[in-house]
Amino acid sequence: MTRNRVLYSLRIAAVTGIFGAGYLCGTLTQQSAEAQLGDIGSDVMKKAAGSGGALGNVAKLGTTISDLEKHVSGLQKNIDTLKSVKAALGGVVK
């Protein structure tokens, strides 16, 4: 009975160790798929948006969000420029 417990404990320790090593290696070497796609990712999203169905709708939402982010970034740059001009004028412009 004691031998069976030792073997059972060793099996659990081995499985836990293998899982832990795999998890550690996976977290250390994880890479972002988006970083690897680059411009290809946007082309794929545009093609998927034209396919229709649930995938098409999700792709349309994704492209819309990325377009909105571009516009917001541009507007933020304009606001920063206006703030610097306002500061240069001494705060006269409201």
PDB file of N, CA and C in Angstrom:
ATOM      1  N   MET A   1       0.819  -1.190   0.000  1.00  0.00           N
ATOM      2  CA  MET A   1       0.000   0.000   0.000  1.00  0.00           C
ATOM      3  C   MET A   1       0.863   1.255   0.000  1.00  0.00           C
ATOM      4  N   THR A   2       1.953   1.245   0.763  1.00  0.00           N
ATOM      5  CA  THR A   2       2.832   2.401   0.829  1.00  0.00           C
ATOM      6  C   THR A   2       3.533   2.620  -0.508  1.00  0.00           C
ATOM      7  N   ARG A   3       3.898   1.512  -1.156  1.00  0.00           N
ATOM      8  CA  ARG A   3       4.561   1.616  -2.461  1.00  0.00           C
ATOM      9  C   ARG A   3       3.615   2.248  -3.494  1.00  0.00           C
ATOM     10  N   ASN A   4       2.352   1.881  -3.450  1.00  0.00           N
ATOM     11  CA  ASN A   4       1.377   2.439  -4.383  1.00  0.00           C
ATOM     12  C   ASN A   4       1.205   3.942  -4.161  1.00  0.00           C
ATOM     13  N   ARG A   5       1.216   4.361  -2.916  1.00  0.00           N
ATOM     14  CA  ARG A   5       1.093   5.796  -2.622  1.00  0.00           C
ATOM     15  C   ARG A   5       2.298   6.562  -3.136  1.00  0.00           C
ATOM     16  N   VAL A   6       3.467   5.994  -2.979  1.00  0.00           N
ATOM     17  CA  VAL A   6       4.687   6.650  -3.455  1.00  0.00           C
ATOM     18  C   VAL A   6       4.648   6.772  -4.976  1.00  0.00           C
ATOM     19  N   LEU A   7       4.278   5.709  -5.666  1.00  0.00           N
ATOM     20  CA  LEU A   7       4.185   5.755  -7.132  1.00  0.00           C
ATOM     21  C   LEU A   7       3.122   6.754  -7.594  1.00  0.00           C
ATOM     22  N   TYR A   8       1.985   6.767  -6.902  1.00  0.00           N
ATOM     23  CA  TYR A   8       0.914   7.711  -7.239  1.00  0.00           C
ATOM     24  C   TYR A   8       1.392   9.147  -7.024  1.00  0.00           C
ATOM     25  N   SER A   9       2.097   9.387  -5.938  1.00  0.00           N
ATOM     26  CA  SER A   9       2.622  10.722  -5.647  1.00  0.00           C
ATOM     27  C   SER A   9       3.669  11.133  -6.680  1.00  0.00           C
ATOM     28  N   LEU A  10       4.496  10.187  -7.098  1.00  0.00           N
ATOM     29  CA  LEU A  10       5.499  10.490  -8.125  1.00  0.00           C
ATOM     30  C   LEU A  10       4.841  10.829  -9.464  1.00  0.00           C
ATOM     31  N   ARG A  11       3.773  10.117  -9.799  1.00  0.00           N
ATOM     32  CA  ARG A  11       3.051  10.416 -11.041  1.00  0.00           C
ATOM     33  C   ARG A  11       2.457  11.825 -10.996  1.00  0.00           C
ATOM     34  N   ILE A  12       1.837  12.164  -9.882  1.00  0.00           N
ATOM     35  CA  ILE A  12       1.257  13.501  -9.743  1.00  0.00           C
ATOM     36  C   ILE A  12       2.347  14.563  -9.817  1.00  0.00           C
ATOM     37  N   ALA A  13       3.473  14.316  -9.157  1.00  0.00           N
ATOM     38  CA  ALA A  13       4.579  15.268  -9.190  1.00  0.00           C
ATOM     39  C   ALA A  13       5.136  15.407 -10.604  1.00  0.00           C
ATOM     40  N   ALA A  14       5.235  14.305 -11.352  1.00  0.00           N
ATOM     41  CA  ALA A  14       5.750  14.353 -12.720  1.00  0.00           C
ATOM     42  C   ALA A  14       4.806  15.141 -13.626  1.00  0.00           C
ATOM     43  N   VAL A  15       3.504  14.864 -13.530  1.00  0.00           N
ATOM     44  CA  VAL A  15       2.528  15.578 -14.363  1.00  0.00           C
ATOM     45  C   VAL A  15       2.528  17.061 -14.014  1.00  0.00           C
ATOM     46  N   THR A  16       2.564  17.371 -12.727  1.00  0.00           N
ATOM     47  CA  THR A  16       2.592  18.772 -12.296  1.00  0.00           C
ATOM     48  C   THR A  16       3.863  19.461 -12.776  1.00  0.00           C
ATOM     49  N   GLY A  17       4.991  18.773 -12.686  1.00  0.00           N
ATOM     50  CA  GLY A  17       6.259  19.340 -13.146  1.00  0.00           C
ATOM     51  C   GLY A  17       6.273  19.593 -14.641  1.00  0.00           C
ATOM     52  N   ILE A  18       5.759  18.645 -15.413  1.00  0.00           N
ATOM     53  CA  ILE A  18       5.706  18.813 -16.874  1.00  0.00           C
ATOM     54  C   ILE A  18       4.784  19.967 -17.237  1.00  0.00           C
ATOM     55  N   PHE A  19       3.622  20.044 -16.584  1.00  0.00           N
ATOM     56  CA  PHE A  19       2.703  21.146 -16.853  1.00  0.00           C
ATOM     57  C   PHE A  19       3.344  22.478 -16.480  1.00  0.00           C
ATOM     58  N   GLY A  20       3.984  22.537 -15.325  1.00  0.00           N
ATOM     59  CA  GLY A  20       4.633  23.772 -14.882  1.00  0.00           C
ATOM     60  C   GLY A  20       5.738  24.210 -15.823  1.00  0.00           C
ATOM     61  N   ALA A  21       6.549  23.241 -16.291  1.00  0.00           N
ATOM     62  CA  ALA A  21       7.628  23.581 -17.230  1.00  0.00           C
ATOM     63  C   ALA A  21       7.055  24.084 -18.555  1.00  0.00           C
ATOM     64  N   GLY A  22       6.007  23.444 -19.031  1.00  0.00           N
ATOM     65  CA  GLY A  22       5.373  23.887 -20.275  1.00  0.00           C
ATOM     66  C   GLY A  22       4.757  25.265 -20.139  1.00  0.00           C
ATOM     67  N   TYR A  23       4.115  25.514 -19.019  1.00  0.00           N
ATOM     68  CA  TYR A  23       3.513  26.825 -18.783  1.00  0.00           C
ATOM     69  C   TYR A  23       4.586  27.903 -18.722  1.00  0.00           C
ATOM     70  N   LEU A  24       5.665  27.615 -18.028  1.00  0.00           N
ATOM     71  CA  LEU A  24       6.762  28.579 -17.913  1.00  0.00           C
ATOM     72  C   LEU A  24       7.374  28.865 -19.276  1.00  0.00           C
ATOM     73  N   CYS A  25       7.644  27.821 -20.042  1.00  0.00           N
ATOM     74  CA  CYS A  25       8.207  28.029 -21.382  1.00  0.00           C
ATOM     75  C   CYS A  25       7.235  28.780 -22.287  1.00  0.00           C
ATOM     76  N   GLY A  26       5.956  28.500 -22.156  1.00  0.00           N
ATOM     77  CA  GLY A  26       4.957  29.182 -22.975  1.00  0.00           C
ATOM     78  C   GLY A  26       4.838  30.652 -22.651  1.00  0.00           C
ATOM     79  N   THR A  27       4.946  31.011 -21.392  1.00  0.00           N
ATOM     80  CA  THR A  27       4.838  32.421 -21.029  1.00  0.00           C
ATOM     81  C   THR A  27       6.094  33.187 -21.371  1.00  0.00           C
ATOM     82  N   LEU A  28       7.231  32.525 -21.373  1.00  0.00           N
ATOM     83  CA  LEU A  28       8.479  33.217 -21.688  1.00  0.00           C
ATOM     84  C   LEU A  28       8.642  33.456 -23.178  1.00  0.00           C
ATOM     85  N   THR A  29       8.092  32.588 -24.011  1.00  0.00           N
ATOM     86  CA  THR A  29       8.303  32.692 -25.453  1.00  0.00           C
ATOM     87  C   THR A  29       7.053  33.128 -26.207  1.00  0.00           C
ATOM     88  N   GLN A  30       6.024  33.601 -25.516  1.00  0.00           N
ATOM     89  CA  GLN A  30       4.786  33.992 -26.175  1.00  0.00           C
ATOM     90  C   GLN A  30       5.012  35.245 -27.011  1.00  0.00           C
ATOM     91  N   GLN A  31       4.521  35.228 -28.253  1.00  0.00           N
ATOM     92  CA  GLN A  31       4.649  36.359 -29.155  1.00  0.00           C
ATOM     93  C   GLN A  31       3.274  36.777 -29.640  1.00  0.00           C
ATOM     94  N   SER A  32       3.149  38.039 -29.923  1.00  0.00           N
ATOM     95  CA  SER A  32       1.878  38.566 -30.401  1.00  0.00           C
ATOM     96  C   SER A  32       1.715  38.244 -31.883  1.00  0.00           C
ATOM     97  N   ALA A  33       0.577  37.701 -32.256  1.00  0.00           N
ATOM     98  CA  ALA A  33       0.327  37.371 -33.655  1.00  0.00           C
ATOM     99  C   ALA A  33       0.122  38.637 -34.478  1.00  0.00           C
ATOM    100  N   GLU A  34      -0.413  39.684 -33.889  1.00  0.00           N
ATOM    101  CA  GLU A  34      -0.662  40.915 -34.623  1.00  0.00           C
ATOM    102  C   GLU A  34       0.653  41.551 -35.064  1.00  0.00           C
ATOM    103  N   ALA A  35       1.668  41.462 -34.240  1.00  0.00           N
ATOM    104  CA  ALA A  35       2.958  42.045 -34.572  1.00  0.00           C
ATOM    105  C   ALA A  35       3.573  41.344 -35.774  1.00  0.00           C
ATOM    106  N   GLN A  36       3.263  40.084 -35.967  1.00  0.00           N
ATOM    107  CA  GLN A  36       3.811  39.345 -37.083  1.00  0.00           C
ATOM    108  C   GLN A  36       3.038  39.610 -38.376  1.00  0.00           C
ATOM    109  N   LEU A  37       1.783  39.995 -38.273  1.00  0.00           N
ATOM    110  CA  LEU A  37       0.964  40.203 -39.459  1.00  0.00           C
ATOM    111  C   LEU A  37       1.271  41.517 -40.168  1.00  0.00           C
ATOM    112  N   GLY A  38       1.400  42.586 -39.437  1.00  0.00           N
ATOM    113  CA  GLY A  38       1.668  43.887 -40.043  1.00  0.00           C
ATOM    114  C   GLY A  38       0.528  44.330 -40.937  1.00  0.00           C
ATOM    115  N   ASP A  39       0.858  44.735 -42.162  1.00  0.00           N
ATOM    116  CA  ASP A  39      -0.156  45.204 -43.114  1.00  0.00           C
ATOM    117  C   ASP A  39      -1.021  44.070 -43.643  1.00  0.00           C
ATOM    118  N   ILE A  40      -0.527  42.859 -43.569  1.00  0.00           N
ATOM    119  CA  ILE A  40      -1.299  41.720 -44.057  1.00  0.00           C
ATOM    120  C   ILE A  40      -2.564  41.556 -43.223  1.00  0.00           C
ATOM    121  N   GLY A  41      -2.463  41.840 -41.912  1.00  0.00           N
ATOM    122  CA  GLY A  41      -3.614  41.715 -41.026  1.00  0.00           C
ATOM    123  C   GLY A  41      -4.756  42.623 -41.422  1.00  0.00           C
ATOM    124  N   SER A  42      -4.447  43.851 -41.815  1.00  0.00           N
ATOM    125  CA  SER A  42      -5.518  44.763 -42.222  1.00  0.00           C
ATOM    126  C   SER A  42      -6.150  44.311 -43.537  1.00  0.00           C
ATOM    127  N   ASP A  43      -5.351  43.753 -44.436  1.00  0.00           N
ATOM    128  CA  ASP A  43      -5.904  43.238 -45.689  1.00  0.00           C
ATOM    129  C   ASP A  43      -6.833  42.056 -45.432  1.00  0.00           C
ATOM    130  N   VAL A  44      -6.434  41.186 -44.518  1.00  0.00           N
ATOM    131  CA  VAL A  44      -7.268  40.030 -44.181  1.00  0.00           C
ATOM    132  C   VAL A  44      -8.572  40.498 -43.551  1.00  0.00           C
ATOM    133  N   MET A  45      -8.491  41.505 -42.670  1.00  0.00           N
ATOM    134  CA  MET A  45      -9.701  42.028 -42.030  1.00  0.00           C
ATOM    135  C   MET A  45     -10.648  42.624 -43.068  1.00  0.00           C
ATOM    136  N   LYS A  46     -10.107  43.332 -44.038  1.00  0.00           N
ATOM    137  CA  LYS A  46     -10.956  43.926 -45.073  1.00  0.00           C
ATOM    138  C   LYS A  46     -11.627  42.857 -45.925  1.00  0.00           C
ATOM    139  N   LYS A  47     -10.888  41.779 -46.245  1.00  0.00           N
ATOM    140  CA  LYS A  47     -11.479  40.687 -47.021  1.00  0.00           C
ATOM    141  C   LYS A  47     -12.557  39.974 -46.220  1.00  0.00           C
ATOM    142  N   ALA A  48     -12.302  39.786 -44.913  1.00  0.00           N
ATOM    143  CA  ALA A  48     -13.288  39.119 -44.064  1.00  0.00           C
ATOM    144  C   ALA A  48     -14.533  39.983 -43.897  1.00  0.00           C
ATOM    145  N   ALA A  49     -14.367  41.303 -43.902  1.00  0.00           N
ATOM    146  CA  ALA A  49     -15.506  42.201 -43.757  1.00  0.00           C
ATOM    147  C   ALA A  49     -16.458  42.064 -44.937  1.00  0.00           C
ATOM    148  N   GLY A  50     -15.930  41.751 -46.101  1.00  0.00           N
ATOM    149  CA  GLY A  50     -16.765  41.597 -47.281  1.00  0.00           C
ATOM    150  C   GLY A  50     -17.416  40.234 -47.386  1.00  0.00           C
ATOM    151  N   SER A  51     -17.057  39.303 -46.497  1.00  0.00           N
ATOM    152  CA  SER A  51     -17.578  37.944 -46.619  1.00  0.00           C
ATOM    153  C   SER A  51     -19.000  37.795 -46.099  1.00  0.00           C
ATOM    154  N   GLY A  52     -19.455  38.702 -45.247  1.00  0.00           N
ATOM    155  CA  GLY A  52     -20.806  38.623 -44.712  1.00  0.00           C
ATOM    156  C   GLY A  52     -20.895  37.666 -43.537  1.00  0.00           C
ATOM    157  N   GLY A  53     -22.075  37.534 -42.995  1.00  0.00           N
ATOM    158  CA  GLY A  53     -22.278  36.654 -41.853  1.00  0.00           C
ATOM    159  C   GLY A  53     -21.720  37.247 -40.573  1.00  0.00           C
ATOM    160  N   ALA A  54     -21.621  36.401 -39.559  1.00  0.00           N
ATOM    161  CA  ALA A  54     -21.141  36.869 -38.258  1.00  0.00           C
ATOM    162  C   ALA A  54     -19.681  37.295 -38.336  1.00  0.00           C
ATOM    163  N   LEU A  55     -18.861  36.525 -39.050  1.00  0.00           N
ATOM    164  CA  LEU A  55     -17.449  36.868 -39.190  1.00  0.00           C
ATOM    165  C   LEU A  55     -17.282  38.189 -39.923  1.00  0.00           C
ATOM    166  N   GLY A  56     -18.081  38.416 -40.935  1.00  0.00           N
ATOM    167  CA  GLY A  56     -18.016  39.675 -41.674  1.00  0.00           C
ATOM    168  C   GLY A  56     -18.373  40.867 -40.808  1.00  0.00           C
ATOM    169  N   ASN A  57     -19.408  40.702 -39.987  1.00  0.00           N
ATOM    170  CA  ASN A  57     -19.821  41.797 -39.107  1.00  0.00           C
ATOM    171  C   ASN A  57     -18.763  42.108 -38.064  1.00  0.00           C
ATOM    172  N   VAL A  58     -18.141  41.071 -37.511  1.00  0.00           N
ATOM    173  CA  VAL A  58     -17.080  41.290 -36.527  1.00  0.00           C
ATOM    174  C   VAL A  58     -15.882  41.958 -37.196  1.00  0.00           C
ATOM    175  N   ALA A  59     -15.564  41.547 -38.411  1.00  0.00           N
ATOM    176  CA  ALA A  59     -14.447  42.156 -39.136  1.00  0.00           C
ATOM    177  C   ALA A  59     -14.742  43.617 -39.444  1.00  0.00           C
ATOM    178  N   LYS A  60     -15.991  43.924 -39.808  1.00  0.00           N
ATOM    179  CA  LYS A  60     -16.366  45.320 -40.051  1.00  0.00           C
ATOM    180  C   LYS A  60     -16.208  46.150 -38.791  1.00  0.00           C
ATOM    181  N   LEU A  61     -16.606  45.584 -37.664  1.00  0.00           N
ATOM    182  CA  LEU A  61     -16.452  46.282 -36.395  1.00  0.00           C
ATOM    183  C   LEU A  61     -14.970  46.524 -36.097  1.00  0.00           C
ATOM    184  N   GLY A  62     -14.134  45.529 -36.350  1.00  0.00           N
ATOM    185  CA  GLY A  62     -12.703  45.682 -36.117  1.00  0.00           C
ATOM    186  C   GLY A  62     -12.084  46.755 -36.991  1.00  0.00           C
ATOM    187  N   THR A  63     -12.445  46.793 -38.275  1.00  0.00           N
ATOM    188  CA  THR A  63     -11.894  47.817 -39.158  1.00  0.00           C
ATOM    189  C   THR A  63     -12.425  49.190 -38.788  1.00  0.00           C
ATOM    190  N   THR A  64     -13.686  49.264 -38.359  1.00  0.00           N
ATOM    191  CA  THR A  64     -14.256  50.543 -37.934  1.00  0.00           C
ATOM    192  C   THR A  64     -13.544  51.076 -36.702  1.00  0.00           C
ATOM    193  N   ILE A  65     -13.267  50.201 -35.754  1.00  0.00           N
ATOM    194  CA  ILE A  65     -12.566  50.626 -34.537  1.00  0.00           C
ATOM    195  C   ILE A  65     -11.161  51.104 -34.863  1.00  0.00           C
ATOM    196  N   SER A  66     -10.459  50.400 -35.746  1.00  0.00           N
ATOM    197  CA  SER A  66      -9.103  50.841 -36.101  1.00  0.00           C
ATOM    198  C   SER A  66      -9.132  52.170 -36.846  1.00  0.00           C
ATOM    199  N   ASP A  67     -10.146  52.370 -37.701  1.00  0.00           N
ATOM    200  CA  ASP A  67     -10.279  53.659 -38.384  1.00  0.00           C
ATOM    201  C   ASP A  67     -10.573  54.777 -37.382  1.00  0.00           C
ATOM    202  N   LEU A  68     -11.432  54.491 -36.413  1.00  0.00           N
ATOM    203  CA  LEU A  68     -11.742  55.492 -35.387  1.00  0.00           C
ATOM    204  C   LEU A  68     -10.493  55.852 -34.579  1.00  0.00           C
ATOM    205  N   GLU A  69      -9.681  54.859 -34.275  1.00  0.00           N
ATOM    206  CA  GLU A  69      -8.451  55.126 -33.532  1.00  0.00           C
ATOM    207  C   GLU A  69      -7.518  56.048 -34.314  1.00  0.00           C
ATOM    208  N   LYS A  70      -7.443  55.836 -35.622  1.00  0.00           N
ATOM    209  CA  LYS A  70      -6.605  56.707 -36.459  1.00  0.00           C
ATOM    210  C   LYS A  70      -7.124  58.138 -36.434  1.00  0.00           C
ATOM    211  N   HIS A  71      -8.447  58.300 -36.538  1.00  0.00           N
ATOM    212  CA  HIS A  71      -9.034  59.638 -36.539  1.00  0.00           C
ATOM    213  C   HIS A  71      -8.855  60.332 -35.192  1.00  0.00           C
ATOM    214  N   VAL A  72      -9.032  59.575 -34.104  1.00  0.00           N
ATOM    215  CA  VAL A  72      -8.864  60.149 -32.774  1.00  0.00           C
ATOM    216  C   VAL A  72      -7.417  60.583 -32.561  1.00  0.00           C
ATOM    217  N   SER A  73      -6.479  59.798 -33.052  1.00  0.00           N
ATOM    218  CA  SER A  73      -5.063  60.172 -32.928  1.00  0.00           C
ATOM    219  C   SER A  73      -4.780  61.465 -33.687  1.00  0.00           C
ATOM    220  N   GLY A  74      -5.352  61.583 -34.878  1.00  0.00           N
ATOM    221  CA  GLY A  74      -5.186  62.815 -35.645  1.00  0.00           C
ATOM    222  C   GLY A  74      -5.803  64.010 -34.945  1.00  0.00           C
ATOM    223  N   LEU A  75      -6.990  63.822 -34.376  1.00  0.00           N
ATOM    224  CA  LEU A  75      -7.633  64.917 -33.652  1.00  0.00           C
ATOM    225  C   LEU A  75      -6.839  65.309 -32.411  1.00  0.00           C
ATOM    226  N   GLN A  76      -6.253  64.328 -31.741  1.00  0.00           N
ATOM    227  CA  GLN A  76      -5.457  64.629 -30.548  1.00  0.00           C
ATOM    228  C   GLN A  76      -4.234  65.457 -30.921  1.00  0.00           C
ATOM    229  N   LYS A  77      -3.616  65.156 -32.061  1.00  0.00           N
ATOM    230  CA  LYS A  77      -2.476  65.955 -32.528  1.00  0.00           C
ATOM    231  C   LYS A  77      -2.907  67.387 -32.818  1.00  0.00           C
ATOM    232  N   ASN A  78      -4.087  67.545 -33.420  1.00  0.00           N
ATOM    233  CA  ASN A  78      -4.595  68.890 -33.702  1.00  0.00           C
ATOM    234  C   ASN A  78      -4.869  69.653 -32.409  1.00  0.00           C
ATOM    235  N   ILE A  79      -5.432  68.971 -31.423  1.00  0.00           N
ATOM    236  CA  ILE A  79      -5.705  69.629 -30.146  1.00  0.00           C
ATOM    237  C   ILE A  79      -4.399  70.057 -29.479  1.00  0.00           C
ATOM    238  N   ASP A  80      -3.394  69.204 -29.536  1.00  0.00           N
ATOM    239  CA  ASP A  80      -2.089  69.558 -28.951  1.00  0.00           C
ATOM    240  C   ASP A  80      -1.488  70.772 -29.652  1.00  0.00           C
ATOM    241  N   THR A  81      -1.640  70.832 -30.974  1.00  0.00           N
ATOM    242  CA  THR A  81      -1.139  71.981 -31.727  1.00  0.00           C
ATOM    243  C   THR A  81      -1.876  73.253 -31.313  1.00  0.00           C
ATOM    244  N   LEU A  82      -3.203  73.170 -31.196  1.00  0.00           N
ATOM    245  CA  LEU A  82      -3.982  74.332 -30.784  1.00  0.00           C
ATOM    246  C   LEU A  82      -3.612  74.786 -29.374  1.00  0.00           C
ATOM    247  N   LYS A  83      -3.346  73.843 -28.482  1.00  0.00           N
ATOM    248  CA  LYS A  83      -2.952  74.208 -27.123  1.00  0.00           C
ATOM    249  C   LYS A  83      -1.609  74.911 -27.118  1.00  0.00           C
ATOM    250  N   SER A  84      -0.681  74.465 -27.958  1.00  0.00           N
ATOM    251  CA  SER A  84       0.623  75.119 -27.999  1.00  0.00           C
ATOM    252  C   SER A  84       0.522  76.521 -28.591  1.00  0.00           C
ATOM    253  N   VAL A  85      -0.365  76.695 -29.602  1.00  0.00           N
ATOM    254  CA  VAL A  85      -0.584  78.029 -30.174  1.00  0.00           C
ATOM    255  C   VAL A  85      -1.238  78.935 -29.141  1.00  0.00           C
ATOM    256  N   LYS A  86      -2.205  78.408 -28.413  1.00  0.00           N
ATOM    257  CA  LYS A  86      -2.881  79.172 -27.362  1.00  0.00           C
ATOM    258  C   LYS A  86      -1.879  79.617 -26.283  1.00  0.00           C
ATOM    259  N   ALA A  87      -1.009  78.709 -25.916  1.00  0.00           N
ATOM    260  CA  ALA A  87      -0.003  79.043 -24.899  1.00  0.00           C
ATOM    261  C   ALA A  87       0.959  80.101 -25.420  1.00  0.00           C
ATOM    262  N   ALA A  88       1.284  80.023 -26.714  1.00  0.00           N
ATOM    263  CA  ALA A  88       2.186  81.013 -27.303  1.00  0.00           C
ATOM    264  C   ALA A  88       1.540  82.395 -27.364  1.00  0.00           C
ATOM    265  N   LEU A  89       0.227  82.424 -27.563  1.00  0.00           N
ATOM    266  CA  LEU A  89      -0.486  83.694 -27.628  1.00  0.00           C
ATOM    267  C   LEU A  89      -0.829  84.240 -26.245  1.00  0.00           C
ATOM    268  N   GLY A  90      -0.548  83.487 -25.227  1.00  0.00           N
ATOM    269  CA  GLY A  90      -0.810  83.951 -23.870  1.00  0.00           C
ATOM    270  C   GLY A  90      -2.209  83.619 -23.401  1.00  0.00           C
ATOM    271  N   GLY A  91      -2.848  82.657 -24.000  1.00  0.00           N
ATOM    272  CA  GLY A  91      -4.166  82.227 -23.535  1.00  0.00           C
ATOM    273  C   GLY A  91      -5.296  83.127 -24.007  1.00  0.00           C
ATOM    274  N   VAL A  92      -5.085  83.949 -25.064  1.00  0.00           N
ATOM    275  CA  VAL A  92      -6.108  84.859 -25.558  1.00  0.00           C
ATOM    276  C   VAL A  92      -7.212  84.107 -26.281  1.00  0.00           C
ATOM    277  N   VAL A  93      -6.850  83.092 -27.034  1.00  0.00           N
ATOM    278  CA  VAL A  93      -7.831  82.346 -27.847  1.00  0.00           C
ATOM    279  C   VAL A  93      -8.598  81.401 -26.945  1.00  0.00           C
ATOM    280  N   LYS A  94      -9.952  81.408 -27.105  1.00  0.00           N
ATOM    281  CA  LYS A  94     -10.789  80.489 -26.320  1.00  0.00           C
ATOM    282  C   LYS A  94     -11.451  79.495 -27.206  1.00  0.00           C
TER     283      LYS A  94
END
